[in-house]
């Protein structure tokens, strides 16, 4: 017996590849040249603060004359620009050819500059807000305003230069107490005479409402949503 001839299969035709969307993604969108130049100038001004502050603080610590300070600042900008071009362009296979910006850091400021920073933060801060006159070194019977700092932790205990470590590594975790006008106002991160956590909760509640009303478009999902979506796709496969 002869079996019936199977029906011919439909001819398969190659499907055209999907064309790119005429509207690029906001992340890949090219900005106008005027805005690019404006952002570039802003970026340069922000980065210039690092070498300027480092040179001036080092000069103040070493008591250098103004002429030498200007020469050091000029040399820092010149070498920073040359290093940035080498890293970004990568001539002779040298450099990663990525937009790395080479700037001097704050390591040279460890030459006794710890006290310079602390004095600027203390007496200098009082002078900046017009309170320099009443502020004098701590004396018996005076209403002190001070920070009680914990220096027995591993970040500070192994230091050979404690003032410099306070500048480099100190943060709010080391502040045990804050005294203002001789009164204890903050203890282990919490105010002593009002409800700090309640204020934080209220601020978080109001901020969510403000952000929801703001004309802000999220380009990418949050990390939690992205992780959940990835898990759902993996489970579906």
N, C-alpha and C. Protein backbone atom coordinates (compact mmCIF):
# COMPACT_ATOMS: atom_id res chain seq x y z
N UNK A 1 0.86 -1.19 0.00
CA UNK A 1 0.00 0.00 0.00
C UNK A 1 0.89 1.24 0.00
N UNK A 2 0.50 2.18 -0.73
CA UNK A 2 1.29 3.42 -0.80
C UNK A 2 0.72 4.44 0.18
N UNK A 3 1.60 5.04 0.91
CA UNK A 3 1.16 6.05 1.88
C UNK A 3 0.90 7.36 1.17
N UNK A 4 -0.04 8.13 1.67
CA UNK A 4 -0.34 9.41 1.00
C UNK A 4 0.87 10.33 1.05
N UNK A 5 1.00 11.08 0.00
CA UNK A 5 2.13 12.01 -0.11
C UNK A 5 1.93 13.16 0.88
N UNK A 6 2.94 13.41 1.69
CA UNK A 6 2.76 14.50 2.68
C UNK A 6 2.63 15.84 1.98
N UNK A 7 1.85 16.66 2.65
CA UNK A 7 1.66 18.00 2.10
C UNK A 7 2.97 18.77 2.15
N UNK A 8 3.17 19.55 1.14
CA UNK A 8 4.41 20.31 1.07
C UNK A 8 4.46 21.36 2.18
N UNK A 9 5.63 21.48 2.79
CA UNK A 9 5.80 22.46 3.86
C UNK A 9 5.88 23.86 3.28
N UNK A 10 5.39 24.81 3.98
CA UNK A 10 5.48 26.18 3.44
C UNK A 10 6.94 26.61 3.33
N UNK A 11 7.22 27.30 2.28
CA UNK A 11 8.58 27.75 2.04
C UNK A 11 8.98 28.80 3.08
N UNK A 12 10.12 28.54 3.71
CA UNK A 12 10.59 29.49 4.73
C UNK A 12 11.39 30.60 4.07
N UNK A 13 11.11 31.77 4.44
CA UNK A 13 11.79 32.93 3.90
C UNK A 13 12.51 33.66 5.03
N UNK A 14 13.69 34.13 4.74
CA UNK A 14 14.41 34.85 5.80
C UNK A 14 13.66 36.10 6.23
N UNK A 15 13.58 36.24 7.55
CA UNK A 15 12.90 37.40 8.08
C UNK A 15 13.86 38.59 8.15
N UNK A 16 13.40 39.76 7.80
CA UNK A 16 14.29 40.93 7.87
C UNK A 16 14.65 41.24 9.32
N UNK A 17 15.87 41.69 9.50
CA UNK A 17 16.32 42.06 10.83
C UNK A 17 15.60 43.30 11.29
N UNK A 18 15.33 43.37 12.60
CA UNK A 18 14.66 44.58 13.09
C UNK A 18 15.54 45.80 12.93
N UNK A 19 14.93 46.82 12.43
CA UNK A 19 15.68 48.06 12.22
C UNK A 19 15.76 48.85 13.52
N UNK A 20 16.80 49.62 13.62
CA UNK A 20 16.99 50.42 14.82
C UNK A 20 15.92 51.50 14.90
N UNK A 21 15.53 51.79 16.11
CA UNK A 21 14.51 52.82 16.31
C UNK A 21 15.06 54.17 15.90
N UNK A 22 14.27 54.98 15.19
CA UNK A 22 14.79 56.29 14.79
C UNK A 22 15.09 57.18 15.98
N UNK A 23 14.42 56.94 17.12
CA UNK A 23 14.65 57.74 18.31
C UNK A 23 15.60 57.01 19.23
N UNK A 24 16.81 57.52 19.47
CA UNK A 24 17.76 56.80 20.33
C UNK A 24 17.32 56.81 21.79
N UNK A 25 17.85 55.86 22.52
CA UNK A 25 17.58 55.80 23.95
C UNK A 25 18.12 57.07 24.61
N UNK A 26 17.45 57.56 25.66
CA UNK A 26 17.96 58.79 26.30
C UNK A 26 19.41 58.68 26.75
N UNK A 27 19.86 57.47 27.10
CA UNK A 27 21.25 57.32 27.52
C UNK A 27 22.20 57.52 26.35
N UNK A 28 21.80 57.08 25.14
CA UNK A 28 22.65 57.16 23.96
C UNK A 28 22.41 58.43 23.14
N UNK A 29 21.53 59.27 23.59
CA UNK A 29 21.20 60.47 22.83
C UNK A 29 22.38 61.45 22.83
N UNK A 30 22.68 62.00 21.68
CA UNK A 30 23.76 62.96 21.55
C UNK A 30 23.26 64.35 21.92
N UNK A 31 23.97 64.99 22.83
CA UNK A 31 23.57 66.32 23.27
C UNK A 31 24.04 67.38 22.30
N UNK A 32 23.40 68.55 22.29
CA UNK A 32 23.87 69.65 21.43
C UNK A 32 25.28 70.06 21.82
N UNK A 33 26.02 70.55 20.85
CA UNK A 33 27.42 70.89 21.08
C UNK A 33 27.57 71.96 22.15
N UNK A 34 26.61 72.90 22.20
CA UNK A 34 26.68 73.94 23.21
C UNK A 34 26.58 73.38 24.62
N UNK A 35 25.68 72.42 24.81
CA UNK A 35 25.53 71.81 26.13
C UNK A 35 26.74 70.94 26.47
N UNK A 36 27.30 70.27 25.46
CA UNK A 36 28.50 69.46 25.72
C UNK A 36 29.66 70.34 26.19
N UNK A 37 29.84 71.50 25.54
CA UNK A 37 30.89 72.42 25.96
C UNK A 37 30.63 72.95 27.37
N UNK A 38 29.36 73.22 27.67
CA UNK A 38 29.03 73.72 29.01
C UNK A 38 29.32 72.66 30.07
N UNK A 39 28.95 71.40 29.79
CA UNK A 39 29.23 70.33 30.74
C UNK A 39 30.74 70.11 30.88
N UNK A 40 31.48 70.24 29.76
CA UNK A 40 32.92 70.08 29.84
C UNK A 40 33.57 71.14 30.71
N UNK A 41 33.13 72.39 30.55
CA UNK A 41 33.67 73.46 31.40
C UNK A 41 33.32 73.22 32.86
N UNK A 42 32.11 72.79 33.11
CA UNK A 42 31.71 72.48 34.49
C UNK A 42 32.57 71.36 35.07
N UNK A 43 32.84 70.34 34.27
CA UNK A 43 33.66 69.22 34.73
C UNK A 43 35.07 69.68 35.06
N UNK A 44 35.64 70.52 34.22
CA UNK A 44 36.99 71.02 34.46
C UNK A 44 37.04 71.87 35.74
N UNK A 45 36.04 72.72 35.94
CA UNK A 45 36.02 73.56 37.14
C UNK A 45 35.90 72.72 38.41
N UNK A 46 35.11 71.66 38.36
CA UNK A 46 34.98 70.81 39.53
C UNK A 46 36.29 70.09 39.83
N UNK A 47 36.95 69.57 38.79
CA UNK A 47 38.20 68.85 39.01
C UNK A 47 39.33 69.78 39.41
N UNK A 48 39.26 71.05 38.98
CA UNK A 48 40.34 71.98 39.31
C UNK A 48 40.42 72.27 40.80
N UNK A 49 39.34 72.01 41.54
CA UNK A 49 39.36 72.29 42.97
C UNK A 49 40.37 71.41 43.70
N UNK A 50 40.60 70.19 43.22
CA UNK A 50 41.53 69.28 43.91
C UNK A 50 42.97 69.78 43.87
N UNK A 51 43.55 70.04 42.69
CA UNK A 51 44.94 70.53 42.72
C UNK A 51 45.08 71.89 43.36
N UNK A 52 44.08 72.76 43.19
CA UNK A 52 44.19 74.10 43.78
C UNK A 52 44.23 74.01 45.30
N UNK A 53 43.29 73.24 45.90
CA UNK A 53 43.27 73.12 47.36
C UNK A 53 44.51 72.40 47.86
N UNK A 54 44.98 71.38 47.15
CA UNK A 54 46.17 70.65 47.59
C UNK A 54 47.41 71.54 47.59
N UNK A 55 47.58 72.32 46.53
CA UNK A 55 48.77 73.17 46.43
C UNK A 55 48.72 74.27 47.50
N UNK A 56 47.59 74.91 47.68
CA UNK A 56 47.50 76.00 48.64
C UNK A 56 47.68 75.50 50.07
N UNK A 57 47.10 74.35 50.40
CA UNK A 57 47.27 73.82 51.74
C UNK A 57 48.72 73.40 51.99
N UNK A 58 49.34 72.79 50.97
CA UNK A 58 50.74 72.41 51.12
C UNK A 58 51.63 73.65 51.27
N UNK A 59 51.33 74.69 50.50
CA UNK A 59 52.12 75.91 50.60
C UNK A 59 51.94 76.57 51.96
N UNK A 60 50.70 76.54 52.49
CA UNK A 60 50.49 77.13 53.81
C UNK A 60 51.20 76.33 54.89
N UNK A 61 51.23 75.01 54.74
CA UNK A 61 51.91 74.18 55.74
C UNK A 61 53.41 74.40 55.71
N UNK A 62 53.99 74.47 54.52
CA UNK A 62 55.44 74.64 54.38
C UNK A 62 55.87 76.11 54.38
N UNK A 63 54.89 77.03 54.46
CA UNK A 63 55.16 78.47 54.48
C UNK A 63 55.97 78.90 53.24
N UNK A 64 55.46 78.49 52.08
CA UNK A 64 56.13 78.86 50.83
C UNK A 64 55.70 80.27 50.42
N UNK A 65 56.56 80.95 49.68
CA UNK A 65 56.23 82.29 49.22
C UNK A 65 55.24 82.22 48.07
N UNK A 66 54.49 83.29 47.82
CA UNK A 66 53.44 83.26 46.78
C UNK A 66 53.98 82.92 45.40
N UNK A 67 55.17 83.36 45.05
CA UNK A 67 55.71 83.06 43.73
C UNK A 67 55.92 81.57 43.51
N UNK A 68 56.47 80.90 44.51
CA UNK A 68 56.68 79.46 44.39
C UNK A 68 55.35 78.72 44.38
N UNK A 69 54.37 79.22 45.11
CA UNK A 69 53.04 78.61 45.09
C UNK A 69 52.43 78.66 43.70
N UNK A 70 52.57 79.80 43.04
CA UNK A 70 52.04 79.93 41.67
C UNK A 70 52.78 78.99 40.73
N UNK A 71 54.10 78.86 40.88
CA UNK A 71 54.86 77.95 40.04
C UNK A 71 54.43 76.50 40.25
N UNK A 72 54.21 76.11 41.50
CA UNK A 72 53.75 74.74 41.78
C UNK A 72 52.37 74.50 41.18
N UNK A 73 51.50 75.49 41.28
CA UNK A 73 50.16 75.33 40.72
C UNK A 73 50.22 75.21 39.19
N UNK A 74 51.07 76.00 38.56
CA UNK A 74 51.21 75.91 37.10
C UNK A 74 51.77 74.55 36.69
N UNK A 75 52.77 74.07 37.42
CA UNK A 75 53.35 72.77 37.10
C UNK A 75 52.33 71.65 37.31
N UNK A 76 51.51 71.76 38.36
CA UNK A 76 50.50 70.73 38.61
C UNK A 76 49.49 70.65 37.48
N UNK A 77 49.02 71.81 37.00
CA UNK A 77 48.06 71.81 35.89
C UNK A 77 48.71 71.31 34.60
N UNK A 78 49.96 71.71 34.36
CA UNK A 78 50.64 71.27 33.14
C UNK A 78 50.83 69.75 33.13
N UNK A 79 51.33 69.19 34.22
CA UNK A 79 51.55 67.75 34.27
C UNK A 79 50.23 66.98 34.31
N UNK A 80 49.21 67.54 34.95
CA UNK A 80 47.91 66.88 34.95
C UNK A 80 47.33 66.80 33.55
N UNK A 81 47.47 67.90 32.79
CA UNK A 81 46.99 67.88 31.41
C UNK A 81 47.75 66.90 30.54
N UNK A 82 49.08 66.85 30.70
CA UNK A 82 49.87 65.91 29.91
C UNK A 82 49.52 64.47 30.26
N UNK A 83 49.39 64.17 31.55
CA UNK A 83 49.03 62.81 31.95
C UNK A 83 47.64 62.41 31.48
N UNK A 84 46.71 63.37 31.48
CA UNK A 84 45.36 63.07 31.01
C UNK A 84 45.36 62.76 29.51
N UNK A 85 46.13 63.52 28.73
CA UNK A 85 46.20 63.26 27.29
C UNK A 85 46.82 61.90 27.00
N UNK A 86 47.87 61.54 27.75
CA UNK A 86 48.50 60.23 27.53
C UNK A 86 47.54 59.10 27.87
N UNK A 87 46.82 59.22 28.98
CA UNK A 87 45.88 58.16 29.36
C UNK A 87 44.70 58.09 28.41
N UNK A 88 44.24 59.23 27.91
CA UNK A 88 43.05 59.23 27.06
C UNK A 88 43.36 58.85 25.62
N UNK A 89 44.48 59.33 25.06
CA UNK A 89 44.80 59.05 23.67
C UNK A 89 45.61 57.77 23.49
N UNK A 90 46.41 57.41 24.49
CA UNK A 90 47.18 56.17 24.43
C UNK A 90 48.19 56.12 23.31
N UNK A 91 49.09 57.10 23.18
CA UNK A 91 50.08 57.03 22.10
C UNK A 91 51.09 55.92 22.34
N UNK A 92 51.54 55.30 21.27
CA UNK A 92 52.53 54.22 21.32
C UNK A 92 52.08 53.08 22.25
N UNK A 93 50.77 52.81 22.24
CA UNK A 93 50.19 51.74 23.05
C UNK A 93 50.43 51.95 24.55
N UNK A 94 50.54 53.19 24.93
CA UNK A 94 50.74 53.52 26.33
C UNK A 94 49.47 54.18 26.85
N UNK A 95 48.87 53.59 27.86
CA UNK A 95 47.63 54.14 28.40
C UNK A 95 46.42 53.35 27.94
N UNK A 96 45.34 53.38 28.70
CA UNK A 96 44.16 52.57 28.38
C UNK A 96 43.25 53.17 27.32
N UNK A 97 43.55 54.38 26.86
CA UNK A 97 42.69 55.08 25.89
C UNK A 97 41.27 55.25 26.42
N UNK A 98 41.18 55.62 27.68
CA UNK A 98 39.93 55.93 28.33
C UNK A 98 40.03 57.34 28.92
N UNK A 99 38.90 58.02 29.08
CA UNK A 99 38.96 59.41 29.57
C UNK A 99 39.29 59.49 31.06
N UNK A 100 40.51 59.08 31.40
CA UNK A 100 41.00 59.20 32.77
C UNK A 100 41.60 60.59 32.96
N UNK A 101 41.27 61.21 34.06
CA UNK A 101 41.83 62.52 34.39
C UNK A 101 42.86 62.34 35.49
N UNK A 102 44.08 62.75 35.24
CA UNK A 102 45.18 62.61 36.19
C UNK A 102 45.30 63.91 36.98
N UNK A 103 45.14 63.80 38.29
CA UNK A 103 45.24 64.96 39.17
C UNK A 103 46.08 64.61 40.39
N UNK A 104 46.76 65.59 40.96
CA UNK A 104 47.49 65.31 42.20
C UNK A 104 46.53 65.09 43.36
N UNK A 105 46.86 64.16 44.23
CA UNK A 105 46.02 63.87 45.38
C UNK A 105 46.44 64.66 46.60
N UNK A 106 45.93 64.24 47.74
CA UNK A 106 46.22 64.94 48.98
C UNK A 106 47.30 64.30 49.80
N UNK A 107 48.00 63.29 49.26
CA UNK A 107 49.04 62.62 50.04
C UNK A 107 50.16 63.56 50.48
N UNK A 108 50.62 64.52 49.63
CA UNK A 108 51.69 65.41 50.10
C UNK A 108 51.30 66.27 51.28
N UNK A 109 49.98 66.38 51.56
CA UNK A 109 49.54 67.25 52.65
C UNK A 109 49.72 66.62 54.01
N UNK A 110 50.28 65.42 54.09
CA UNK A 110 50.47 64.78 55.38
C UNK A 110 51.66 65.36 56.14
N UNK A 111 52.37 66.31 55.56
CA UNK A 111 53.52 66.91 56.25
C UNK A 111 53.01 67.89 57.30
N UNK A 112 52.39 67.37 58.35
CA UNK A 112 51.91 68.23 59.42
C UNK A 112 50.65 69.00 59.08
N UNK A 113 50.00 68.67 57.96
CA UNK A 113 48.83 69.43 57.55
C UNK A 113 47.57 69.00 58.27
N UNK A 114 47.65 67.94 59.07
CA UNK A 114 46.46 67.52 59.81
C UNK A 114 45.93 68.63 60.68
N UNK A 115 46.82 69.32 61.41
CA UNK A 115 46.38 70.42 62.25
C UNK A 115 45.90 71.60 61.41
N UNK A 116 46.45 71.75 60.21
CA UNK A 116 45.97 72.83 59.34
C UNK A 116 44.51 72.63 58.98
N UNK A 117 44.15 71.40 58.62
CA UNK A 117 42.76 71.09 58.31
C UNK A 117 41.88 71.28 59.53
N UNK A 118 42.33 70.77 60.69
CA UNK A 118 41.51 70.85 61.89
C UNK A 118 41.30 72.31 62.32
N UNK A 119 42.34 73.12 62.20
CA UNK A 119 42.19 74.52 62.57
C UNK A 119 41.27 75.26 61.62
N UNK A 120 41.36 74.91 60.33
CA UNK A 120 40.43 75.54 59.38
C UNK A 120 38.99 75.11 59.66
N UNK A 121 38.79 73.86 60.07
CA UNK A 121 37.44 73.40 60.36
C UNK A 121 36.91 73.99 61.65
N UNK A 122 37.79 74.26 62.61
CA UNK A 122 37.35 74.81 63.89
C UNK A 122 37.35 76.31 63.92
N UNK A 123 38.52 76.91 64.19
CA UNK A 123 38.62 78.36 64.28
C UNK A 123 38.31 79.02 62.94
N UNK A 124 38.75 78.38 61.84
CA UNK A 124 38.46 78.97 60.53
C UNK A 124 36.97 78.97 60.23
N UNK A 125 36.27 77.90 60.63
CA UNK A 125 34.82 77.88 60.42
C UNK A 125 34.11 78.95 61.22
N UNK A 126 34.58 79.17 62.46
CA UNK A 126 33.99 80.23 63.29
C UNK A 126 34.23 81.60 62.67
N UNK A 127 35.44 81.82 62.14
CA UNK A 127 35.72 83.10 61.48
C UNK A 127 34.86 83.30 60.24
N UNK A 128 34.60 82.21 59.51
CA UNK A 128 33.85 82.32 58.26
C UNK A 128 32.41 82.76 58.51
N UNK A 129 31.81 82.36 59.65
CA UNK A 129 30.42 82.73 59.94
C UNK A 129 30.34 83.93 60.89
N UNK A 130 31.48 84.59 61.12
CA UNK A 130 31.48 85.79 61.94
C UNK A 130 31.49 85.55 63.42
N UNK A 131 31.92 84.38 63.87
CA UNK A 131 31.96 84.06 65.30
C UNK A 131 33.39 83.89 65.79
N UNK A 132 34.32 84.47 65.11
CA UNK A 132 35.71 84.24 65.47
C UNK A 132 36.12 84.89 66.78
N UNK A 133 35.55 86.07 67.07
CA UNK A 133 35.99 86.79 68.26
C UNK A 133 35.70 86.05 69.57
N UNK A 134 34.47 85.52 69.78
CA UNK A 134 34.23 84.84 71.06
C UNK A 134 34.91 83.49 71.18
N UNK A 135 35.42 82.96 70.08
CA UNK A 135 35.98 81.61 70.10
C UNK A 135 37.46 81.68 70.43
N UNK A 136 37.81 81.09 71.57
CA UNK A 136 39.19 81.07 72.02
C UNK A 136 39.52 79.65 72.47
N UNK A 137 40.80 79.35 72.70
CA UNK A 137 41.14 78.02 73.19
C UNK A 137 40.39 77.68 74.47
N UNK A 138 40.16 76.38 74.66
CA UNK A 138 39.39 75.91 75.81
C UNK A 138 40.07 76.34 77.10
N UNK A 139 39.27 76.89 78.00
CA UNK A 139 39.77 77.35 79.30
C UNK A 139 38.80 76.93 80.39
N UNK A 140 39.28 76.87 81.61
CA UNK A 140 38.44 76.45 82.73
C UNK A 140 37.33 77.48 82.96
N UNK A 141 36.11 76.97 83.10
CA UNK A 141 34.96 77.83 83.32
C UNK A 141 34.30 78.34 82.06
N UNK A 142 34.88 78.09 80.89
CA UNK A 142 34.31 78.57 79.63
C UNK A 142 33.25 77.59 79.13
N UNK A 143 32.27 78.12 78.38
CA UNK A 143 31.24 77.28 77.77
C UNK A 143 31.79 76.73 76.47
N UNK A 144 32.26 75.51 76.52
CA UNK A 144 32.96 74.94 75.37
C UNK A 144 31.99 74.42 74.32
N UNK A 145 32.41 74.49 73.09
CA UNK A 145 31.74 73.85 71.97
C UNK A 145 32.75 72.91 71.34
N UNK A 146 32.48 71.62 71.45
CA UNK A 146 33.50 70.65 71.04
C UNK A 146 32.85 69.35 70.60
N UNK A 147 33.66 68.53 69.96
CA UNK A 147 33.28 67.17 69.56
C UNK A 147 34.07 66.19 70.41
N UNK A 148 33.38 65.19 70.95
CA UNK A 148 34.03 64.10 71.65
C UNK A 148 34.20 62.96 70.66
N UNK A 149 35.45 62.68 70.28
CA UNK A 149 35.76 61.74 69.21
C UNK A 149 36.34 60.46 69.80
N UNK A 150 35.85 59.33 69.30
CA UNK A 150 36.34 58.03 69.73
C UNK A 150 37.56 57.65 68.88
N UNK A 151 38.72 57.52 69.53
CA UNK A 151 39.95 57.22 68.80
C UNK A 151 40.54 55.87 69.21
N UNK A 152 39.73 54.99 69.80
CA UNK A 152 40.25 53.69 70.22
C UNK A 152 39.88 52.59 69.23
N UNK A 153 39.19 52.95 68.15
CA UNK A 153 38.84 51.96 67.14
C UNK A 153 40.04 51.58 66.29
N UNK A 154 39.93 50.53 65.48
CA UNK A 154 41.07 50.10 64.66
C UNK A 154 41.47 51.13 63.61
N UNK A 155 40.54 52.00 63.19
CA UNK A 155 40.90 53.00 62.18
C UNK A 155 41.88 54.02 62.72
N UNK A 156 41.79 54.32 64.02
CA UNK A 156 42.62 55.37 64.61
C UNK A 156 43.72 54.82 65.52
N UNK A 157 43.50 53.66 66.10
CA UNK A 157 44.42 53.16 67.12
C UNK A 157 45.81 52.87 66.57
N UNK A 158 45.89 52.46 65.31
CA UNK A 158 47.16 52.08 64.71
C UNK A 158 47.84 53.23 63.99
N UNK A 159 47.44 54.44 64.29
CA UNK A 159 47.97 55.58 63.56
C UNK A 159 49.25 56.11 64.21
N UNK A 160 50.15 56.63 63.36
CA UNK A 160 51.35 57.31 63.82
C UNK A 160 51.15 58.83 63.79
N UNK A 161 50.06 59.29 63.19
CA UNK A 161 49.80 60.73 63.08
C UNK A 161 48.30 60.91 63.25
N UNK A 162 47.84 61.00 64.50
CA UNK A 162 46.41 61.01 64.78
C UNK A 162 45.67 62.20 64.16
N UNK A 163 46.19 63.43 64.24
CA UNK A 163 45.45 64.53 63.58
C UNK A 163 45.24 64.30 62.10
N UNK A 164 46.26 63.74 61.42
CA UNK A 164 46.10 63.49 59.99
C UNK A 164 45.10 62.36 59.73
N UNK A 165 45.09 61.35 60.59
CA UNK A 165 44.11 60.27 60.42
C UNK A 165 42.70 60.77 60.66
N UNK A 166 42.53 61.73 61.57
CA UNK A 166 41.21 62.31 61.77
C UNK A 166 40.72 63.01 60.51
N UNK A 167 41.65 63.63 59.78
CA UNK A 167 41.27 64.30 58.53
C UNK A 167 40.99 63.28 57.44
N UNK A 168 41.82 62.24 57.34
CA UNK A 168 41.71 61.28 56.24
C UNK A 168 40.59 60.26 56.47
N UNK A 169 40.46 59.75 57.69
CA UNK A 169 39.55 58.63 57.93
C UNK A 169 38.41 58.95 58.87
N UNK A 170 38.51 60.04 59.60
CA UNK A 170 37.46 60.36 60.55
C UNK A 170 36.14 60.66 59.87
N UNK A 171 35.06 60.21 60.45
CA UNK A 171 33.72 60.48 59.94
C UNK A 171 32.76 60.49 61.13
N UNK A 172 31.49 60.59 60.82
CA UNK A 172 30.49 60.71 61.88
C UNK A 172 30.45 59.50 62.80
N UNK A 173 30.96 58.36 62.35
CA UNK A 173 30.96 57.18 63.22
C UNK A 173 31.88 57.35 64.42
N UNK A 174 32.92 58.19 64.29
CA UNK A 174 33.84 58.40 65.39
C UNK A 174 33.36 59.47 66.38
N UNK A 175 32.30 60.22 66.04
CA UNK A 175 31.82 61.29 66.92
C UNK A 175 30.90 60.69 67.97
N UNK A 176 31.35 60.71 69.21
CA UNK A 176 30.55 60.18 70.31
C UNK A 176 29.57 61.21 70.84
N UNK A 177 30.01 62.45 71.00
CA UNK A 177 29.15 63.48 71.58
C UNK A 177 29.47 64.83 70.96
N UNK A 178 28.47 65.71 70.96
CA UNK A 178 28.61 67.08 70.47
C UNK A 178 28.13 68.02 71.58
N UNK A 179 29.00 68.94 71.96
CA UNK A 179 28.67 69.94 72.97
C UNK A 179 28.58 71.31 72.31
N UNK A 180 27.50 72.03 72.58
CA UNK A 180 27.30 73.38 72.05
C UNK A 180 27.00 74.30 73.23
N UNK A 181 27.82 75.35 73.37
CA UNK A 181 27.66 76.30 74.47
C UNK A 181 27.67 75.58 75.82
N UNK A 182 28.52 74.56 75.93
CA UNK A 182 28.65 73.84 77.18
C UNK A 182 27.58 72.82 77.46
N UNK A 183 26.65 72.61 76.53
CA UNK A 183 25.55 71.66 76.75
C UNK A 183 25.70 70.49 75.79
N UNK A 184 25.37 69.30 76.28
CA UNK A 184 25.38 68.10 75.45
C UNK A 184 24.16 68.13 74.53
N UNK A 185 24.41 68.18 73.21
CA UNK A 185 23.31 68.27 72.24
C UNK A 185 23.17 67.01 71.40
N UNK A 186 24.23 66.22 71.26
CA UNK A 186 24.17 65.01 70.43
C UNK A 186 24.97 63.92 71.11
N UNK A 187 24.37 62.73 71.23
CA UNK A 187 25.05 61.60 71.86
C UNK A 187 24.91 60.38 70.97
N UNK A 188 26.06 59.88 70.50
CA UNK A 188 26.10 58.71 69.62
C UNK A 188 25.14 58.83 68.44
N UNK A 189 25.20 59.98 67.80
CA UNK A 189 24.43 60.20 66.58
C UNK A 189 22.99 60.61 66.75
N UNK A 190 22.51 60.73 68.01
CA UNK A 190 21.11 61.07 68.24
C UNK A 190 21.03 62.32 69.12
N UNK A 191 20.10 63.23 68.82
CA UNK A 191 19.93 64.43 69.67
C UNK A 191 19.41 64.04 71.04
N UNK A 192 19.72 64.85 72.02
CA UNK A 192 19.35 64.55 73.41
C UNK A 192 18.06 65.21 73.85
N UNK A 193 17.60 66.25 73.16
CA UNK A 193 16.43 66.99 73.63
C UNK A 193 15.30 67.05 72.62
N UNK A 194 15.36 66.26 71.56
CA UNK A 194 14.24 66.15 70.62
C UNK A 194 14.36 64.83 69.88
N UNK A 195 13.27 64.44 69.22
CA UNK A 195 13.17 63.11 68.61
C UNK A 195 13.76 63.14 67.20
N UNK A 196 15.03 62.76 67.09
CA UNK A 196 15.67 62.75 65.79
C UNK A 196 15.13 61.70 64.84
N UNK A 197 14.95 60.43 65.27
CA UNK A 197 14.38 59.43 64.36
C UNK A 197 13.01 59.80 63.81
N UNK A 198 12.18 60.47 64.61
CA UNK A 198 10.87 60.89 64.12
C UNK A 198 11.01 61.90 62.99
N UNK A 199 11.98 62.81 63.11
CA UNK A 199 12.22 63.77 62.03
C UNK A 199 12.67 63.08 60.76
N UNK A 200 13.55 62.08 60.90
CA UNK A 200 14.02 61.35 59.72
C UNK A 200 12.88 60.61 59.05
N UNK A 201 12.01 59.98 59.86
CA UNK A 201 10.86 59.27 59.28
C UNK A 201 9.94 60.23 58.55
N UNK A 202 9.68 61.38 59.14
CA UNK A 202 8.80 62.36 58.49
C UNK A 202 9.43 62.88 57.21
N UNK A 203 10.74 63.14 57.22
CA UNK A 203 11.43 63.61 56.01
C UNK A 203 11.38 62.56 54.90
N UNK A 204 11.55 61.28 55.27
CA UNK A 204 11.47 60.22 54.26
C UNK A 204 10.08 60.13 53.66
N UNK A 205 9.06 60.30 54.49
CA UNK A 205 7.68 60.25 54.00
C UNK A 205 7.38 61.40 53.05
N UNK A 206 7.79 62.59 53.41
CA UNK A 206 7.53 63.75 52.55
C UNK A 206 8.36 63.70 51.28
N UNK A 207 9.59 63.21 51.38
CA UNK A 207 10.44 63.18 50.18
C UNK A 207 9.88 62.25 49.13
N UNK A 208 9.31 61.12 49.53
CA UNK A 208 8.70 60.21 48.55
C UNK A 208 7.55 60.89 47.81
N UNK A 209 6.73 61.63 48.53
CA UNK A 209 5.62 62.32 47.89
C UNK A 209 6.12 63.40 46.93
N UNK A 210 7.16 64.11 47.33
CA UNK A 210 7.69 65.16 46.47
C UNK A 210 8.29 64.56 45.20
N UNK A 211 9.03 63.46 45.34
CA UNK A 211 9.65 62.83 44.17
C UNK A 211 8.58 62.27 43.24
N UNK A 212 7.50 61.72 43.78
CA UNK A 212 6.43 61.18 42.94
C UNK A 212 5.76 62.28 42.13
N UNK A 213 5.67 63.49 42.67
CA UNK A 213 5.05 64.60 41.93
C UNK A 213 6.02 65.30 40.99
N UNK A 214 7.30 65.07 41.16
CA UNK A 214 8.29 65.77 40.34
C UNK A 214 8.29 65.22 38.91
N UNK A 215 8.54 66.08 37.91
CA UNK A 215 8.59 65.62 36.51
C UNK A 215 9.91 64.93 36.20
N UNK A 216 10.15 63.80 36.85
CA UNK A 216 11.38 63.06 36.67
C UNK A 216 11.06 61.74 35.97
N UNK A 217 11.80 61.42 34.92
CA UNK A 217 11.61 60.17 34.18
C UNK A 217 12.76 59.23 34.52
N UNK A 218 12.43 58.07 35.06
CA UNK A 218 13.45 57.08 35.38
C UNK A 218 13.84 56.32 34.12
N UNK A 219 15.11 56.31 33.80
CA UNK A 219 15.59 55.63 32.60
C UNK A 219 15.73 54.14 32.86
N UNK A 220 16.31 53.76 33.97
CA UNK A 220 16.52 52.37 34.30
C UNK A 220 15.73 52.02 35.55
N UNK A 221 15.32 50.76 35.70
CA UNK A 221 14.62 50.37 36.93
C UNK A 221 15.57 50.37 38.12
N UNK A 222 14.99 50.34 39.29
CA UNK A 222 15.82 50.24 40.48
C UNK A 222 16.50 48.88 40.52
N UNK A 223 17.54 48.77 41.35
CA UNK A 223 18.29 47.51 41.41
C UNK A 223 17.39 46.36 41.86
N UNK A 224 16.47 46.62 42.79
CA UNK A 224 15.59 45.55 43.27
C UNK A 224 14.66 45.08 42.17
N UNK A 225 14.07 46.01 41.42
CA UNK A 225 13.17 45.63 40.33
C UNK A 225 13.93 44.90 39.22
N UNK A 226 15.13 45.37 38.91
CA UNK A 226 15.92 44.70 37.87
C UNK A 226 16.28 43.28 38.30
N UNK A 227 16.61 43.08 39.57
CA UNK A 227 16.93 41.74 40.05
C UNK A 227 15.71 40.83 40.01
N UNK A 228 14.54 41.37 40.38
CA UNK A 228 13.32 40.58 40.35
C UNK A 228 12.95 40.21 38.91
N UNK A 229 13.09 41.15 37.99
CA UNK A 229 12.75 40.86 36.58
C UNK A 229 13.71 39.81 36.02
N UNK A 230 14.99 39.88 36.37
CA UNK A 230 15.94 38.89 35.90
C UNK A 230 15.62 37.52 36.44
N UNK A 231 15.20 37.45 37.70
CA UNK A 231 14.83 36.15 38.28
C UNK A 231 13.58 35.60 37.62
N UNK A 232 12.63 36.46 37.29
CA UNK A 232 11.40 35.99 36.62
C UNK A 232 11.70 35.48 35.22
N UNK A 233 12.59 36.14 34.50
CA UNK A 233 12.96 35.65 33.17
C UNK A 233 13.68 34.31 33.26
N UNK A 234 14.54 34.16 34.24
CA UNK A 234 15.25 32.88 34.40
C UNK A 234 14.28 31.76 34.75
N UNK A 235 13.27 32.04 35.58
CA UNK A 235 12.30 31.02 35.95
C UNK A 235 11.41 30.65 34.77
N UNK A 236 11.11 31.62 33.91
CA UNK A 236 10.27 31.34 32.75
C UNK A 236 10.99 30.47 31.74
N UNK A 237 12.32 30.56 31.67
CA UNK A 237 13.06 29.73 30.73
C UNK A 237 13.19 28.30 31.24
